[in-house]
Structure formats: structure tokens, C-alpha cells
């Protein structure tokens, strides 16, 4: 009976461990679609779709084009107070460039709801970008 119980519990523990490695990260966990990007109040147009994925301290930025093209970058992220810090530590491997994001990004969390987040970032040139993301999973 004890072996059967262990055989039942172990897969459940492994599944739970894979869901949130490094602990619960709240609403950030999962995939987010970039709904819009504005620069100095003007909405930008761009081909394809950008996605943010958060897991533990790992961050993935991906882009999917019209013909199922897929490009991705991996980095790290952290949240403190009303700030979201995203960086791509090895700029030699930054294959994907999204308007508003650079190698190191200190974004202000303008609003944060369960399924929608608005982020703001002012770059070195004084341009202010607003990025709105919507949770998919």
C-alpha cells in the first residue's frame, strides 16, 4: 500500500514542481501577448506578434511572423515595487529586437491586473514607450 501511495504521489509532485520552478511568481507565470506598443503617444505598427513568457527568474521574448516564423531571446527578470526589470545578459545572443526593449530594461508598472499589464519605459534618447501585455495562459 505504501509503494502504491508513493507511486501515485511522486508524479503529482513532479508535475507541481514543473509548474512554478523557484516558487510561485504570482500573476506573471505563463505567456503574455503584446497587445500594443506606443512611442511618445503614437501607436507603433509592426509585423507579427510579440510574446513575453515568465518562469521563475527566466524570461523569454518571442516573435511569431505571418508564416509561423519564430525568433526568441532568453533573459532574466525581477519585480520590485512598481518596477519590472528585464535583461538579456549576453547581448551577443540577442537575435530579436522589439521596439522599446534593449539589453537592459527597467520598466515602470503603470497598471497590473490579473490578465492585463501596462508597462512604461523611457530610453536614453528620452523616448517613452508604453507596452500593454495580455495574459494568455
N, C-alpha and C. Protein backbone atom coordinates (compact mmCIF):
# COMPACT_ATOMS: atom_id res chain seq x y z
N UNK A 1 0.82 -1.19 0.00
CA UNK A 1 0.00 0.00 0.00
C UNK A 1 0.88 1.26 0.00
N UNK A 2 1.95 1.22 0.79
CA UNK A 2 2.83 2.37 0.87
C UNK A 2 3.49 2.64 -0.48
N UNK A 3 3.92 1.59 -1.19
CA UNK A 3 4.55 1.75 -2.50
C UNK A 3 3.56 2.31 -3.51
N UNK A 4 2.31 1.88 -3.42
CA UNK A 4 1.29 2.39 -4.33
C UNK A 4 1.03 3.87 -4.08
N UNK A 5 1.00 4.24 -2.82
CA UNK A 5 0.79 5.64 -2.46
C UNK A 5 1.95 6.51 -2.97
N UNK A 6 3.17 6.04 -2.81
CA UNK A 6 4.34 6.77 -3.29
C UNK A 6 4.30 6.86 -4.81
N UNK A 7 3.92 5.75 -5.47
CA UNK A 7 3.84 5.75 -6.93
C UNK A 7 2.79 6.73 -7.42
N UNK A 8 1.77 6.99 -6.65
CA UNK A 8 0.72 7.94 -7.02
C UNK A 8 1.15 9.38 -6.73
N UNK A 9 1.80 9.58 -5.60
CA UNK A 9 2.16 10.94 -5.18
C UNK A 9 3.35 11.50 -5.95
N UNK A 10 4.33 10.68 -6.27
CA UNK A 10 5.55 11.17 -6.94
C UNK A 10 5.26 11.89 -8.26
N UNK A 11 4.46 11.31 -9.17
CA UNK A 11 4.18 12.04 -10.41
C UNK A 11 3.46 13.37 -10.18
N UNK A 12 2.58 13.40 -9.19
CA UNK A 12 1.88 14.65 -8.87
C UNK A 12 2.85 15.70 -8.35
N UNK A 13 3.81 15.28 -7.54
CA UNK A 13 4.81 16.21 -7.02
C UNK A 13 5.69 16.74 -8.15
N UNK A 14 6.06 15.86 -9.07
CA UNK A 14 6.88 16.29 -10.21
C UNK A 14 6.13 17.28 -11.08
N UNK A 15 4.85 17.02 -11.33
CA UNK A 15 4.05 17.95 -12.12
C UNK A 15 3.94 19.30 -11.43
N UNK A 16 3.72 19.29 -10.14
CA UNK A 16 3.62 20.54 -9.39
C UNK A 16 4.94 21.29 -9.41
N UNK A 17 6.04 20.58 -9.31
CA UNK A 17 7.35 21.22 -9.32
C UNK A 17 7.64 21.85 -10.67
N UNK A 18 7.17 21.26 -11.75
CA UNK A 18 7.43 21.80 -13.09
C UNK A 18 6.59 23.04 -13.38
N UNK A 19 5.51 23.22 -12.66
CA UNK A 19 4.63 24.34 -12.93
C UNK A 19 5.25 25.68 -12.55
N UNK A 20 5.83 25.76 -11.39
CA UNK A 20 6.41 27.02 -10.92
C UNK A 20 7.79 26.78 -10.31
N UNK A 21 8.81 26.46 -11.12
CA UNK A 21 10.12 26.25 -10.53
C UNK A 21 10.61 27.53 -9.88
N UNK A 22 11.20 27.37 -8.71
CA UNK A 22 11.69 28.54 -8.00
C UNK A 22 10.61 29.20 -7.16
N UNK A 23 9.43 28.62 -7.09
CA UNK A 23 8.36 29.18 -6.27
C UNK A 23 7.31 29.90 -7.08
N UNK A 24 6.27 30.31 -6.39
CA UNK A 24 5.15 31.00 -7.03
C UNK A 24 5.57 32.42 -7.38
N UNK A 25 5.37 32.80 -8.64
CA UNK A 25 5.72 34.16 -9.07
C UNK A 25 4.46 34.99 -9.35
N UNK A 26 3.34 34.54 -8.80
CA UNK A 26 2.10 35.30 -8.92
C UNK A 26 1.55 35.34 -10.33
N UNK A 27 0.98 36.48 -10.69
CA UNK A 27 0.30 36.58 -11.98
C UNK A 27 1.26 36.48 -13.16
N UNK A 28 2.54 36.72 -12.95
CA UNK A 28 3.49 36.76 -14.07
C UNK A 28 3.66 35.41 -14.76
N UNK A 29 3.50 34.32 -14.04
CA UNK A 29 3.77 33.00 -14.62
C UNK A 29 2.93 32.76 -15.87
N UNK A 30 3.59 32.31 -16.93
CA UNK A 30 2.88 31.95 -18.15
C UNK A 30 3.22 32.84 -19.33
N UNK A 31 2.34 32.83 -20.32
CA UNK A 31 2.56 33.54 -21.57
C UNK A 31 1.67 34.78 -21.67
N UNK A 32 2.26 35.84 -22.20
CA UNK A 32 1.58 37.12 -22.37
C UNK A 32 1.76 37.59 -23.81
N UNK A 33 0.69 38.07 -24.40
CA UNK A 33 0.74 38.62 -25.76
C UNK A 33 0.91 40.13 -25.67
N UNK A 34 1.82 40.67 -26.47
CA UNK A 34 1.99 42.13 -26.52
C UNK A 34 0.86 42.67 -27.38
N UNK A 35 -0.08 43.35 -26.74
CA UNK A 35 -1.24 43.90 -27.44
C UNK A 35 -0.91 45.17 -28.20
N UNK A 36 -0.09 46.03 -27.60
CA UNK A 36 0.25 47.28 -28.27
C UNK A 36 1.55 47.84 -27.72
N UNK A 37 2.20 48.62 -28.58
CA UNK A 37 3.41 49.36 -28.21
C UNK A 37 3.23 50.78 -28.74
N UNK A 38 3.37 51.76 -27.86
CA UNK A 38 3.34 53.16 -28.30
C UNK A 38 4.67 53.81 -27.97
N UNK A 39 5.05 54.78 -28.79
CA UNK A 39 6.26 55.57 -28.56
C UNK A 39 5.86 57.03 -28.57
N UNK A 40 6.05 57.70 -27.45
CA UNK A 40 5.68 59.11 -27.31
C UNK A 40 4.22 59.35 -27.70
N UNK A 41 3.36 58.41 -27.34
CA UNK A 41 1.92 58.55 -27.57
C UNK A 41 1.44 58.06 -28.93
N UNK A 42 2.33 57.66 -29.83
CA UNK A 42 1.94 57.18 -31.15
C UNK A 42 2.04 55.65 -31.18
N UNK A 43 0.94 55.00 -31.56
CA UNK A 43 0.96 53.54 -31.63
C UNK A 43 1.83 53.07 -32.78
N UNK A 44 2.71 52.13 -32.47
CA UNK A 44 3.62 51.60 -33.47
C UNK A 44 2.98 50.43 -34.20
N UNK A 45 3.31 50.30 -35.47
CA UNK A 45 2.87 49.14 -36.24
C UNK A 45 4.10 48.29 -36.50
N UNK A 46 3.91 46.99 -36.47
CA UNK A 46 4.99 46.04 -36.68
C UNK A 46 4.40 44.74 -37.20
N UNK A 47 5.21 44.00 -37.91
CA UNK A 47 4.77 42.70 -38.43
C UNK A 47 4.81 41.66 -37.33
N UNK A 48 3.93 40.69 -37.43
CA UNK A 48 3.94 39.57 -36.50
C UNK A 48 3.43 39.92 -35.11
N UNK A 49 3.67 39.00 -34.18
CA UNK A 49 3.23 39.16 -32.79
C UNK A 49 4.38 38.89 -31.84
N UNK A 50 4.47 39.72 -30.79
CA UNK A 50 5.47 39.52 -29.74
C UNK A 50 4.79 38.87 -28.54
N UNK A 51 5.57 38.05 -27.82
CA UNK A 51 5.09 37.36 -26.62
C UNK A 51 6.15 37.44 -25.53
N UNK A 52 5.69 37.60 -24.28
CA UNK A 52 6.54 37.52 -23.10
C UNK A 52 6.18 36.22 -22.39
N UNK A 53 7.18 35.49 -21.92
CA UNK A 53 6.94 34.32 -21.07
C UNK A 53 7.80 34.46 -19.82
N UNK A 54 7.16 34.27 -18.66
CA UNK A 54 7.82 34.38 -17.37
C UNK A 54 7.79 33.03 -16.68
N UNK A 55 8.93 32.63 -16.12
CA UNK A 55 9.00 31.42 -15.32
C UNK A 55 10.17 31.60 -14.36
N UNK A 56 9.93 31.40 -13.07
CA UNK A 56 10.95 31.58 -12.05
C UNK A 56 11.60 32.94 -12.28
N UNK A 57 12.91 33.00 -12.54
CA UNK A 57 13.58 34.26 -12.86
C UNK A 57 13.93 34.32 -14.34
N UNK A 58 13.48 33.34 -15.11
CA UNK A 58 13.77 33.29 -16.55
C UNK A 58 12.71 34.03 -17.34
N UNK A 59 13.16 34.67 -18.40
CA UNK A 59 12.28 35.45 -19.26
C UNK A 59 12.54 35.06 -20.71
N UNK A 60 11.47 34.94 -21.48
CA UNK A 60 11.59 34.65 -22.91
C UNK A 60 10.77 35.68 -23.68
N UNK A 61 11.42 36.31 -24.63
CA UNK A 61 10.76 37.21 -25.57
C UNK A 61 10.72 36.47 -26.89
N UNK A 62 9.54 36.33 -27.47
CA UNK A 62 9.45 35.65 -28.76
C UNK A 62 8.62 36.47 -29.72
N UNK A 63 8.86 36.21 -31.00
CA UNK A 63 8.13 36.87 -32.07
C UNK A 63 7.70 35.79 -33.05
N UNK A 64 6.43 35.85 -33.46
CA UNK A 64 5.89 34.91 -34.44
C UNK A 64 5.42 35.71 -35.63
N UNK A 65 5.93 35.36 -36.80
CA UNK A 65 5.58 36.07 -38.03
C UNK A 65 4.43 35.42 -38.76
N UNK A 66 4.10 35.99 -39.90
CA UNK A 66 2.96 35.53 -40.70
C UNK A 66 3.08 34.08 -41.16
N UNK A 67 4.27 33.64 -41.43
CA UNK A 67 4.47 32.28 -41.95
C UNK A 67 4.99 31.34 -40.88
N UNK A 68 4.52 31.55 -39.64
CA UNK A 68 4.91 30.75 -38.48
C UNK A 68 6.41 30.83 -38.20
N UNK A 69 7.03 31.92 -38.68
CA UNK A 69 8.42 32.18 -38.32
C UNK A 69 8.46 32.43 -36.81
N UNK A 70 9.51 32.00 -36.17
CA UNK A 70 9.61 32.16 -34.73
C UNK A 70 11.04 32.53 -34.37
N UNK A 71 11.21 33.65 -33.69
CA UNK A 71 12.51 34.09 -33.21
C UNK A 71 12.36 34.33 -31.71
N UNK A 72 13.40 34.03 -30.94
CA UNK A 72 13.27 34.18 -29.49
C UNK A 72 14.57 34.65 -28.86
N UNK A 73 14.42 35.30 -27.72
CA UNK A 73 15.53 35.72 -26.86
C UNK A 73 15.24 35.22 -25.45
N UNK A 74 16.29 34.91 -24.74
CA UNK A 74 16.15 34.49 -23.34
C UNK A 74 16.91 35.45 -22.45
N UNK A 75 16.32 35.74 -21.31
CA UNK A 75 16.95 36.64 -20.37
C UNK A 75 16.49 36.33 -18.96
N UNK A 76 16.59 37.32 -18.10
CA UNK A 76 16.16 37.21 -16.71
C UNK A 76 15.24 38.38 -16.39
N UNK A 77 14.46 38.21 -15.35
CA UNK A 77 13.54 39.28 -14.95
C UNK A 77 13.41 39.29 -13.44
N UNK A 78 12.95 40.42 -12.91
CA UNK A 78 12.62 40.52 -11.49
C UNK A 78 11.63 41.68 -11.34
N UNK A 79 10.87 41.61 -10.26
CA UNK A 79 9.89 42.66 -9.96
C UNK A 79 10.16 43.21 -8.58
N UNK A 80 10.18 44.53 -8.46
CA UNK A 80 10.27 45.19 -7.16
C UNK A 80 9.34 46.39 -7.17
N UNK A 81 8.55 46.51 -6.13
CA UNK A 81 7.58 47.60 -6.02
C UNK A 81 6.80 47.76 -7.32
N UNK A 82 6.94 48.89 -7.98
CA UNK A 82 6.23 49.13 -9.24
C UNK A 82 7.16 49.07 -10.44
N UNK A 83 8.19 48.24 -10.36
CA UNK A 83 9.15 48.11 -11.45
C UNK A 83 9.30 46.66 -11.89
N UNK A 84 9.50 46.50 -13.18
CA UNK A 84 9.78 45.20 -13.77
C UNK A 84 11.11 45.34 -14.50
N UNK A 85 12.09 44.57 -14.06
CA UNK A 85 13.41 44.63 -14.68
C UNK A 85 13.58 43.41 -15.58
N UNK A 86 13.91 43.64 -16.86
CA UNK A 86 14.14 42.57 -17.83
C UNK A 86 15.49 42.83 -18.47
N UNK A 87 16.34 41.81 -18.47
CA UNK A 87 17.63 41.98 -19.14
C UNK A 87 17.98 40.72 -19.93
N UNK A 88 18.75 40.96 -20.96
CA UNK A 88 19.28 39.89 -21.79
C UNK A 88 20.79 39.93 -21.56
N UNK A 89 21.29 39.10 -20.63
CA UNK A 89 22.67 39.21 -20.16
C UNK A 89 23.75 39.10 -21.24
N UNK A 90 23.52 38.30 -22.25
CA UNK A 90 24.53 38.13 -23.29
C UNK A 90 24.04 38.77 -24.58
N UNK A 91 24.43 40.04 -24.79
CA UNK A 91 23.93 40.76 -25.95
C UNK A 91 24.39 40.16 -27.28
N UNK A 92 25.38 39.28 -27.25
CA UNK A 92 25.79 38.58 -28.48
C UNK A 92 24.72 37.61 -28.96
N UNK A 93 23.81 37.22 -28.05
CA UNK A 93 22.76 36.28 -28.41
C UNK A 93 21.38 36.92 -28.43
N UNK A 94 21.34 38.22 -28.59
CA UNK A 94 20.05 38.89 -28.67
C UNK A 94 19.67 38.98 -30.15
N UNK A 95 18.93 37.96 -30.60
CA UNK A 95 18.55 37.86 -32.00
C UNK A 95 17.29 38.65 -32.33
N UNK A 96 16.52 38.95 -31.34
CA UNK A 96 15.22 39.56 -31.54
C UNK A 96 15.20 40.94 -30.90
N UNK A 97 14.80 41.92 -31.66
CA UNK A 97 14.70 43.28 -31.14
C UNK A 97 13.25 43.73 -31.23
N UNK A 98 12.67 44.05 -30.08
CA UNK A 98 11.31 44.55 -30.02
C UNK A 98 11.36 46.05 -29.78
N UNK A 99 10.52 46.83 -30.47
CA UNK A 99 10.52 48.27 -30.23
C UNK A 99 10.37 48.60 -28.75
N UNK A 100 11.28 49.41 -28.24
CA UNK A 100 11.21 49.83 -26.84
C UNK A 100 12.11 49.04 -25.92
N UNK A 101 12.47 47.81 -26.27
CA UNK A 101 13.30 47.00 -25.39
C UNK A 101 14.74 46.98 -25.87
N UNK A 102 15.66 47.05 -24.92
CA UNK A 102 17.08 46.94 -25.21
C UNK A 102 17.66 45.77 -24.43
N UNK A 103 18.94 45.83 -24.19
CA UNK A 103 19.63 44.76 -23.48
C UNK A 103 19.23 44.77 -22.01
N UNK A 104 19.11 45.95 -21.42
CA UNK A 104 18.75 46.09 -20.01
C UNK A 104 17.57 47.06 -19.91
N UNK A 105 16.47 46.61 -19.28
CA UNK A 105 15.22 47.38 -19.29
C UNK A 105 14.64 47.50 -17.89
N UNK A 106 14.46 48.72 -17.43
CA UNK A 106 13.82 48.99 -16.15
C UNK A 106 12.46 49.62 -16.44
N UNK A 107 11.43 48.79 -16.47
CA UNK A 107 10.09 49.24 -16.84
C UNK A 107 9.29 49.61 -15.60
N UNK A 108 8.47 50.63 -15.72
CA UNK A 108 7.55 51.01 -14.66
C UNK A 108 6.23 50.29 -14.90
N UNK A 109 5.69 49.69 -13.85
CA UNK A 109 4.38 49.04 -13.94
C UNK A 109 3.33 50.12 -13.73
N UNK A 110 2.68 50.53 -14.81
CA UNK A 110 1.66 51.59 -14.75
C UNK A 110 0.38 51.02 -14.15
N UNK A 111 -0.04 49.85 -14.62
CA UNK A 111 -1.20 49.16 -14.04
C UNK A 111 -0.97 47.65 -14.16
N UNK A 112 -1.48 46.93 -13.18
CA UNK A 112 -1.30 45.48 -13.16
C UNK A 112 -2.58 44.83 -12.67
N UNK A 113 -3.21 44.11 -13.57
CA UNK A 113 -4.40 43.33 -13.24
C UNK A 113 -4.07 41.87 -13.49
N UNK A 114 -5.00 40.97 -13.18
CA UNK A 114 -4.73 39.55 -13.35
C UNK A 114 -4.38 39.18 -14.78
N UNK A 115 -5.01 39.79 -15.75
CA UNK A 115 -4.83 39.39 -17.14
C UNK A 115 -4.31 40.50 -18.06
N UNK A 116 -4.01 41.67 -17.51
CA UNK A 116 -3.56 42.79 -18.35
C UNK A 116 -2.59 43.66 -17.55
N UNK A 117 -1.46 43.98 -18.19
CA UNK A 117 -0.44 44.81 -17.54
C UNK A 117 -0.01 45.89 -18.52
N UNK A 118 0.13 47.11 -18.01
CA UNK A 118 0.64 48.22 -18.81
C UNK A 118 2.00 48.62 -18.24
N UNK A 119 3.01 48.63 -19.11
CA UNK A 119 4.38 48.93 -18.72
C UNK A 119 4.85 50.19 -19.44
N UNK A 120 5.72 50.96 -18.79
CA UNK A 120 6.26 52.17 -19.38
C UNK A 120 7.78 52.18 -19.23
N UNK A 121 8.44 52.72 -20.25
CA UNK A 121 9.90 52.75 -20.26
C UNK A 121 10.36 53.99 -21.02
N UNK A 122 11.27 54.76 -20.44
CA UNK A 122 11.86 55.89 -21.14
C UNK A 122 13.32 55.55 -21.42
N UNK A 123 13.70 55.59 -22.70
CA UNK A 123 15.07 55.20 -23.08
C UNK A 123 16.03 56.38 -22.95
N UNK A 124 17.30 56.14 -23.29
CA UNK A 124 18.34 57.16 -23.15
C UNK A 124 18.11 58.37 -24.05
N UNK A 125 17.36 58.19 -25.13
CA UNK A 125 17.05 59.31 -26.04
C UNK A 125 15.87 60.15 -25.56
N UNK A 126 15.24 59.74 -24.48
CA UNK A 126 14.08 60.46 -23.95
C UNK A 126 12.76 60.00 -24.53
N UNK A 127 12.76 58.94 -25.36
CA UNK A 127 11.52 58.41 -25.91
C UNK A 127 10.83 57.54 -24.86
N UNK A 128 9.52 57.75 -24.70
CA UNK A 128 8.75 56.97 -23.74
C UNK A 128 7.92 55.93 -24.48
N UNK A 129 8.14 54.67 -24.13
CA UNK A 129 7.40 53.55 -24.71
C UNK A 129 6.40 53.04 -23.68
N UNK A 130 5.21 52.72 -24.14
CA UNK A 130 4.20 52.07 -23.32
C UNK A 130 3.88 50.75 -23.98
N UNK A 131 4.04 49.66 -23.23
CA UNK A 131 3.82 48.31 -23.73
C UNK A 131 2.67 47.71 -22.94
N UNK A 132 1.63 47.27 -23.64
CA UNK A 132 0.49 46.63 -23.00
C UNK A 132 0.53 45.15 -23.33
N UNK A 133 0.50 44.31 -22.28
CA UNK A 133 0.52 42.87 -22.47
C UNK A 133 -0.73 42.25 -21.86
N UNK A 134 -1.20 41.17 -22.48
CA UNK A 134 -2.41 40.47 -22.03
C UNK A 134 -2.06 39.00 -21.82
N UNK A 135 -2.49 38.45 -20.70
CA UNK A 135 -2.17 37.07 -20.32
C UNK A 135 -2.92 36.08 -21.19
N UNK A 136 -2.20 35.07 -21.69
CA UNK A 136 -2.79 34.01 -22.48
C UNK A 136 -3.06 32.77 -21.64
N UNK A 137 -2.09 32.39 -20.81
CA UNK A 137 -2.24 31.17 -20.00
C UNK A 137 -2.00 31.45 -18.55
